[in-house]
């Protein structure tokens, strides 16, 4: 069974940091783009960041550029999202996703193959 499991969410103060992890199991995602979306209360799910299979290309939504960094460890089948300088508006459930499609189009709301269950990030002011 193909599965993505997120971890690392929790409560942080504004200006603080959190590191999310997404571990893939059931198959290898070494040739897949992996990335993160988030959904805040009452809002639609939005693209946050993606990284291609080799780690050479990364993509970010403008609101997190310079604050968030996505990376991956192919050997561990894991993708990470380092979130620094957190803001209250970063509060959301963060979802991991994996798909063969290029990360350059993930912001276009394309259908993606595999999703995790989500991890809650709450940033207090």
N, C-alpha and C. Protein backbone atom coordinates (compact mmCIF):
# COMPACT_ATOMS: atom_id res chain seq x y z
N UNK A 1 0.84 -1.19 0.00
CA UNK A 1 0.00 0.00 0.00
C UNK A 1 0.88 1.25 0.00
N UNK A 2 0.65 2.13 -0.97
CA UNK A 2 1.40 3.36 -1.07
C UNK A 2 0.93 4.33 0.00
N UNK A 3 1.86 4.91 0.71
CA UNK A 3 1.47 5.78 1.81
C UNK A 3 2.48 6.91 2.00
N UNK A 4 1.97 8.09 2.31
CA UNK A 4 2.79 9.24 2.71
C UNK A 4 2.36 9.62 4.11
N UNK A 5 3.32 9.74 5.02
CA UNK A 5 3.01 10.06 6.41
C UNK A 5 3.78 11.30 6.81
N UNK A 6 3.03 12.34 7.16
CA UNK A 6 3.64 13.59 7.58
C UNK A 6 3.87 13.59 9.09
N UNK A 7 4.87 14.36 9.50
CA UNK A 7 5.13 14.56 10.93
C UNK A 7 5.83 15.89 11.10
N UNK A 8 5.90 16.34 12.35
CA UNK A 8 6.63 17.56 12.65
C UNK A 8 5.77 18.79 12.87
N UNK A 9 4.47 18.65 12.67
CA UNK A 9 3.60 19.78 12.91
C UNK A 9 3.48 20.06 14.40
N UNK A 10 2.88 21.20 14.72
CA UNK A 10 2.70 21.56 16.12
C UNK A 10 2.49 23.04 16.27
N UNK A 11 2.75 23.51 17.46
CA UNK A 11 2.55 24.91 17.79
C UNK A 11 3.88 25.65 17.80
N UNK A 12 3.91 26.80 17.16
CA UNK A 12 5.10 27.63 17.15
C UNK A 12 4.69 29.08 17.33
N UNK A 13 5.59 29.86 17.83
CA UNK A 13 5.34 31.29 17.95
C UNK A 13 5.74 32.00 16.67
N UNK A 14 5.15 33.11 16.41
CA UNK A 14 5.54 33.91 15.25
C UNK A 14 7.04 34.20 15.32
N UNK A 15 7.69 34.03 14.19
CA UNK A 15 9.13 34.19 14.14
C UNK A 15 9.90 32.91 14.40
N UNK A 16 9.20 31.89 14.84
CA UNK A 16 9.85 30.61 15.15
C UNK A 16 9.98 29.71 13.94
N UNK A 17 10.38 28.48 14.22
CA UNK A 17 10.63 27.51 13.15
C UNK A 17 10.01 26.16 13.47
N UNK A 18 9.69 25.45 12.42
CA UNK A 18 9.27 24.05 12.49
C UNK A 18 9.83 23.33 11.27
N UNK A 19 10.02 22.03 11.42
CA UNK A 19 10.48 21.22 10.30
C UNK A 19 9.50 20.08 10.10
N UNK A 20 8.87 20.04 8.95
CA UNK A 20 7.96 18.97 8.61
C UNK A 20 8.70 17.87 7.85
N UNK A 21 8.28 16.65 8.08
CA UNK A 21 8.83 15.51 7.36
C UNK A 21 7.69 14.74 6.71
N UNK A 22 7.99 14.12 5.60
CA UNK A 22 7.01 13.28 4.91
C UNK A 22 7.73 12.01 4.48
N UNK A 23 7.36 10.92 5.10
CA UNK A 23 7.99 9.63 4.79
C UNK A 23 7.09 8.83 3.87
N UNK A 24 7.67 8.36 2.78
CA UNK A 24 6.92 7.57 1.81
C UNK A 24 7.21 6.09 2.02
N UNK A 25 6.19 5.30 1.89
CA UNK A 25 6.36 3.85 2.02
C UNK A 25 5.48 3.13 1.01
N UNK A 26 5.77 1.90 0.77
CA UNK A 26 4.98 1.09 -0.14
C UNK A 26 5.54 1.04 -1.53
N UNK A 27 6.35 2.00 -1.86
CA UNK A 27 7.04 2.00 -3.15
C UNK A 27 8.11 3.06 -3.09
N UNK A 28 8.96 3.10 -4.08
CA UNK A 28 9.97 4.13 -4.13
C UNK A 28 9.47 5.33 -4.93
N UNK A 29 9.73 6.51 -4.44
CA UNK A 29 9.33 7.73 -5.11
C UNK A 29 10.54 8.47 -5.68
N UNK A 30 11.59 7.70 -5.95
CA UNK A 30 12.83 8.34 -6.37
C UNK A 30 12.70 9.09 -7.69
N UNK A 31 11.72 8.75 -8.52
CA UNK A 31 11.54 9.46 -9.79
C UNK A 31 10.35 10.41 -9.76
N UNK A 32 9.77 10.59 -8.59
CA UNK A 32 8.60 11.44 -8.43
C UNK A 32 8.97 12.82 -7.92
N UNK A 33 8.23 13.82 -8.34
CA UNK A 33 8.24 15.10 -7.66
C UNK A 33 7.50 14.93 -6.33
N UNK A 34 8.02 15.54 -5.29
CA UNK A 34 7.34 15.52 -3.99
C UNK A 34 7.19 16.94 -3.50
N UNK A 35 6.18 17.17 -2.69
CA UNK A 35 5.98 18.54 -2.25
C UNK A 35 4.93 18.68 -1.19
N UNK A 36 4.57 19.93 -0.93
CA UNK A 36 3.67 20.28 0.16
C UNK A 36 2.58 21.24 -0.31
N UNK A 37 1.41 21.01 0.24
CA UNK A 37 0.29 21.92 0.12
C UNK A 37 -0.16 22.26 1.54
N UNK A 38 -1.00 23.27 1.66
CA UNK A 38 -1.59 23.59 2.96
C UNK A 38 -3.01 24.08 2.78
N UNK A 39 -3.79 23.89 3.84
CA UNK A 39 -5.16 24.35 3.84
C UNK A 39 -5.47 24.99 5.17
N UNK A 40 -5.73 26.27 5.13
CA UNK A 40 -6.10 27.02 6.32
C UNK A 40 -7.60 26.92 6.53
N UNK A 41 -8.08 27.13 7.75
CA UNK A 41 -9.51 27.06 8.03
C UNK A 41 -10.30 27.99 7.12
N UNK A 42 -11.32 27.43 6.46
CA UNK A 42 -12.18 28.23 5.61
C UNK A 42 -11.59 28.61 4.28
N UNK A 43 -10.42 28.08 3.95
CA UNK A 43 -9.77 28.43 2.69
C UNK A 43 -9.52 27.18 1.86
N UNK A 44 -9.24 27.40 0.59
CA UNK A 44 -8.93 26.30 -0.29
C UNK A 44 -7.49 25.83 -0.07
N UNK A 45 -7.26 24.58 -0.43
CA UNK A 45 -5.91 24.05 -0.34
C UNK A 45 -5.03 24.79 -1.34
N UNK A 46 -3.82 25.16 -0.92
CA UNK A 46 -2.92 25.88 -1.80
C UNK A 46 -1.54 25.21 -1.85
N UNK A 47 -0.92 25.36 -2.99
CA UNK A 47 0.42 24.85 -3.19
C UNK A 47 1.42 25.64 -2.33
N UNK A 48 2.39 24.94 -1.74
CA UNK A 48 3.42 25.59 -0.93
C UNK A 48 4.80 25.43 -1.57
N UNK A 49 5.20 24.19 -1.81
CA UNK A 49 6.54 23.96 -2.33
C UNK A 49 6.62 22.58 -2.96
N UNK A 50 7.55 22.42 -3.90
CA UNK A 50 7.77 21.11 -4.52
C UNK A 50 9.24 20.98 -4.89
N UNK A 51 9.68 19.73 -5.01
CA UNK A 51 11.07 19.45 -5.36
C UNK A 51 11.08 18.30 -6.34
N UNK A 52 11.88 18.41 -7.39
CA UNK A 52 11.87 17.34 -8.40
C UNK A 52 12.64 16.12 -7.88
N UNK A 53 12.63 15.06 -8.68
CA UNK A 53 13.14 13.78 -8.20
C UNK A 53 14.62 13.84 -7.83
N UNK A 54 15.39 14.68 -8.52
CA UNK A 54 16.83 14.73 -8.26
C UNK A 54 17.19 15.77 -7.20
N UNK A 55 16.24 16.62 -6.86
CA UNK A 55 16.52 17.70 -5.92
C UNK A 55 17.13 18.92 -6.58
N UNK A 56 17.27 18.90 -7.89
CA UNK A 56 17.90 20.02 -8.59
C UNK A 56 16.97 21.22 -8.76
N UNK A 57 15.69 20.97 -8.74
CA UNK A 57 14.73 22.05 -8.97
C UNK A 57 13.73 22.11 -7.83
N UNK A 58 13.52 23.32 -7.34
CA UNK A 58 12.54 23.54 -6.29
C UNK A 58 11.59 24.66 -6.72
N UNK A 59 10.40 24.62 -6.18
CA UNK A 59 9.36 25.58 -6.54
C UNK A 59 8.65 25.99 -5.26
N UNK A 60 8.32 27.28 -5.15
CA UNK A 60 7.68 27.80 -3.96
C UNK A 60 6.57 28.78 -4.33
N UNK A 61 5.56 28.81 -3.49
CA UNK A 61 4.59 29.89 -3.61
C UNK A 61 5.27 31.16 -3.11
N UNK A 62 4.91 32.30 -3.66
CA UNK A 62 5.61 33.56 -3.34
C UNK A 62 5.58 33.87 -1.85
N UNK A 63 4.52 33.52 -1.17
CA UNK A 63 4.37 33.91 0.24
C UNK A 63 5.35 33.21 1.17
N UNK A 64 6.00 32.15 0.71
CA UNK A 64 6.94 31.45 1.59
C UNK A 64 8.38 31.54 1.10
N UNK A 65 8.61 32.15 -0.05
CA UNK A 65 9.97 32.26 -0.58
C UNK A 65 10.86 33.02 0.40
N UNK A 66 12.05 32.48 0.63
CA UNK A 66 12.98 33.08 1.57
C UNK A 66 12.76 32.66 3.01
N UNK A 67 11.65 32.00 3.29
CA UNK A 67 11.36 31.55 4.66
C UNK A 67 11.33 30.02 4.76
N UNK A 68 10.78 29.37 3.74
CA UNK A 68 10.66 27.91 3.74
C UNK A 68 11.68 27.31 2.78
N UNK A 69 12.16 26.12 3.15
CA UNK A 69 13.08 25.39 2.28
C UNK A 69 12.64 23.94 2.19
N UNK A 70 12.47 23.46 0.96
CA UNK A 70 12.12 22.07 0.75
C UNK A 70 13.37 21.30 0.36
N UNK A 71 13.46 20.07 0.86
CA UNK A 71 14.58 19.21 0.52
C UNK A 71 14.11 17.76 0.56
N UNK A 72 14.92 16.88 0.05
CA UNK A 72 14.54 15.47 0.06
C UNK A 72 15.76 14.59 0.25
N UNK A 73 15.51 13.44 0.87
CA UNK A 73 16.52 12.40 1.03
C UNK A 73 15.98 11.18 0.29
N UNK A 74 16.47 10.99 -0.92
CA UNK A 74 15.93 9.91 -1.76
C UNK A 74 16.17 8.55 -1.13
N UNK A 75 17.31 8.38 -0.49
CA UNK A 75 17.62 7.09 0.12
C UNK A 75 16.62 6.74 1.23
N UNK A 76 16.11 7.76 1.89
CA UNK A 76 15.15 7.54 2.96
C UNK A 76 13.72 7.71 2.49
N UNK A 77 13.54 8.02 1.18
CA UNK A 77 12.19 8.23 0.66
C UNK A 77 11.43 9.27 1.46
N UNK A 78 12.11 10.35 1.81
CA UNK A 78 11.55 11.36 2.70
C UNK A 78 11.78 12.76 2.12
N UNK A 79 10.76 13.60 2.27
CA UNK A 79 10.88 15.00 1.89
C UNK A 79 10.66 15.85 3.13
N UNK A 80 11.35 16.98 3.20
CA UNK A 80 11.30 17.85 4.36
C UNK A 80 10.85 19.25 3.95
N UNK A 81 10.24 19.95 4.91
CA UNK A 81 9.92 21.35 4.72
C UNK A 81 10.39 22.09 5.95
N UNK A 82 11.49 22.82 5.82
CA UNK A 82 12.00 23.65 6.91
C UNK A 82 11.29 24.99 6.83
N UNK A 83 10.60 25.34 7.90
CA UNK A 83 9.81 26.57 7.92
C UNK A 83 10.39 27.51 8.97
N UNK A 84 10.92 28.61 8.51
CA UNK A 84 11.50 29.62 9.39
C UNK A 84 10.69 30.90 9.33
N UNK A 85 10.93 31.77 10.28
CA UNK A 85 10.23 33.07 10.32
C UNK A 85 8.73 32.88 10.15
N UNK A 86 8.19 31.95 10.89
CA UNK A 86 6.78 31.63 10.76
C UNK A 86 5.89 32.82 11.10
N UNK A 87 4.75 32.87 10.41
CA UNK A 87 3.77 33.93 10.62
C UNK A 87 2.44 33.28 10.97
N UNK A 88 1.58 34.01 11.66
CA UNK A 88 0.26 33.44 11.99
C UNK A 88 -0.49 32.98 10.74
N UNK A 89 -0.29 33.64 9.63
CA UNK A 89 -0.98 33.23 8.39
C UNK A 89 -0.43 31.93 7.80
N UNK A 90 0.62 31.39 8.37
CA UNK A 90 1.10 30.07 7.96
C UNK A 90 0.31 28.96 8.64
N UNK A 91 -0.55 29.31 9.58
CA UNK A 91 -1.36 28.32 10.27
C UNK A 91 -2.24 27.59 9.27
N UNK A 92 -2.13 26.25 9.26
CA UNK A 92 -2.87 25.44 8.30
C UNK A 92 -2.57 23.97 8.56
N UNK A 93 -3.34 23.12 7.93
CA UNK A 93 -2.97 21.72 7.84
C UNK A 93 -2.08 21.57 6.61
N UNK A 94 -0.91 20.98 6.80
CA UNK A 94 0.04 20.81 5.72
C UNK A 94 -0.01 19.38 5.21
N UNK A 95 -0.14 19.25 3.90
CA UNK A 95 -0.26 17.95 3.26
C UNK A 95 0.94 17.68 2.35
N UNK A 96 1.45 16.49 2.43
CA UNK A 96 2.50 16.03 1.54
C UNK A 96 1.87 15.38 0.31
N UNK A 97 2.52 15.51 -0.83
CA UNK A 97 2.02 14.90 -2.06
C UNK A 97 3.18 14.40 -2.91
N UNK A 98 2.88 13.44 -3.77
CA UNK A 98 3.88 12.89 -4.68
C UNK A 98 3.23 12.59 -6.02
N UNK A 99 3.96 12.91 -7.09
CA UNK A 99 3.39 12.73 -8.42
C UNK A 99 4.51 12.80 -9.45
N UNK A 100 4.34 12.13 -10.59
CA UNK A 100 5.38 12.22 -11.62
C UNK A 100 5.46 13.60 -12.29
N UNK A 101 4.42 14.37 -12.25
CA UNK A 101 4.41 15.66 -12.94
C UNK A 101 5.40 16.64 -12.33
N UNK A 102 5.91 17.50 -13.18
CA UNK A 102 6.89 18.50 -12.76
C UNK A 102 6.32 19.44 -11.70
N UNK A 103 7.13 19.81 -10.77
CA UNK A 103 6.71 20.74 -9.73
C UNK A 103 6.36 22.11 -10.27
N UNK A 104 6.79 22.41 -11.50
CA UNK A 104 6.52 23.73 -12.08
C UNK A 104 5.04 23.95 -12.33
N UNK A 105 4.24 22.87 -12.35
CA UNK A 105 2.81 23.03 -12.62
C UNK A 105 1.95 22.67 -11.42
N UNK A 106 2.55 22.32 -10.32
CA UNK A 106 1.75 21.92 -9.16
C UNK A 106 0.86 23.06 -8.67
N UNK A 107 1.26 24.31 -8.89
CA UNK A 107 0.44 25.43 -8.42
C UNK A 107 -0.82 25.59 -9.25
N UNK A 108 -0.95 24.83 -10.32
CA UNK A 108 -2.09 24.92 -11.22
C UNK A 108 -3.22 23.99 -10.81
N UNK A 109 -3.16 23.47 -9.60
CA UNK A 109 -4.23 22.61 -9.09
C UNK A 109 -4.41 21.36 -9.94
N UNK A 110 -3.34 20.82 -10.43
CA UNK A 110 -3.43 19.57 -11.18
C UNK A 110 -3.68 18.43 -10.21
N UNK A 111 -4.30 17.38 -10.70
CA UNK A 111 -4.55 16.21 -9.87
C UNK A 111 -3.23 15.50 -9.60
N UNK A 112 -2.98 15.20 -8.34
CA UNK A 112 -1.74 14.53 -7.96
C UNK A 112 -2.04 13.12 -7.47
N UNK A 113 -1.06 12.25 -7.63
CA UNK A 113 -1.30 10.82 -7.46
C UNK A 113 -1.47 10.38 -6.02
N UNK A 114 -0.59 10.85 -5.15
CA UNK A 114 -0.59 10.35 -3.78
C UNK A 114 -0.60 11.53 -2.80
N UNK A 115 -1.39 11.40 -1.75
CA UNK A 115 -1.49 12.44 -0.72
C UNK A 115 -1.32 11.82 0.66
N UNK A 116 -0.76 12.62 1.57
CA UNK A 116 -0.72 12.22 2.96
C UNK A 116 -1.97 12.69 3.67
N UNK A 117 -2.04 12.39 4.96
CA UNK A 117 -3.23 12.72 5.75
C UNK A 117 -3.17 14.12 6.32
N UNK A 118 -2.00 14.72 6.35
CA UNK A 118 -1.88 16.08 6.83
C UNK A 118 -1.35 16.18 8.25
N UNK A 119 -0.69 17.29 8.54
CA UNK A 119 -0.21 17.59 9.88
C UNK A 119 -0.50 19.06 10.16
N UNK A 120 -0.99 19.34 11.35
CA UNK A 120 -1.44 20.69 11.69
C UNK A 120 -0.27 21.54 12.18
N UNK A 121 -0.17 22.72 11.60
CA UNK A 121 0.79 23.73 12.04
C UNK A 121 0.01 24.93 12.53
N UNK A 122 0.27 25.32 13.76
CA UNK A 122 -0.39 26.48 14.35
C UNK A 122 0.67 27.47 14.77
N UNK A 123 0.55 28.70 14.28
CA UNK A 123 1.51 29.75 14.61
C UNK A 123 0.79 30.83 15.40
N UNK A 124 1.25 31.06 16.62
CA UNK A 124 0.61 32.05 17.48
C UNK A 124 1.34 33.39 17.35
N UNK A 125 0.57 34.44 17.51
CA UNK A 125 1.15 35.79 17.36
C UNK A 125 1.70 36.29 18.69
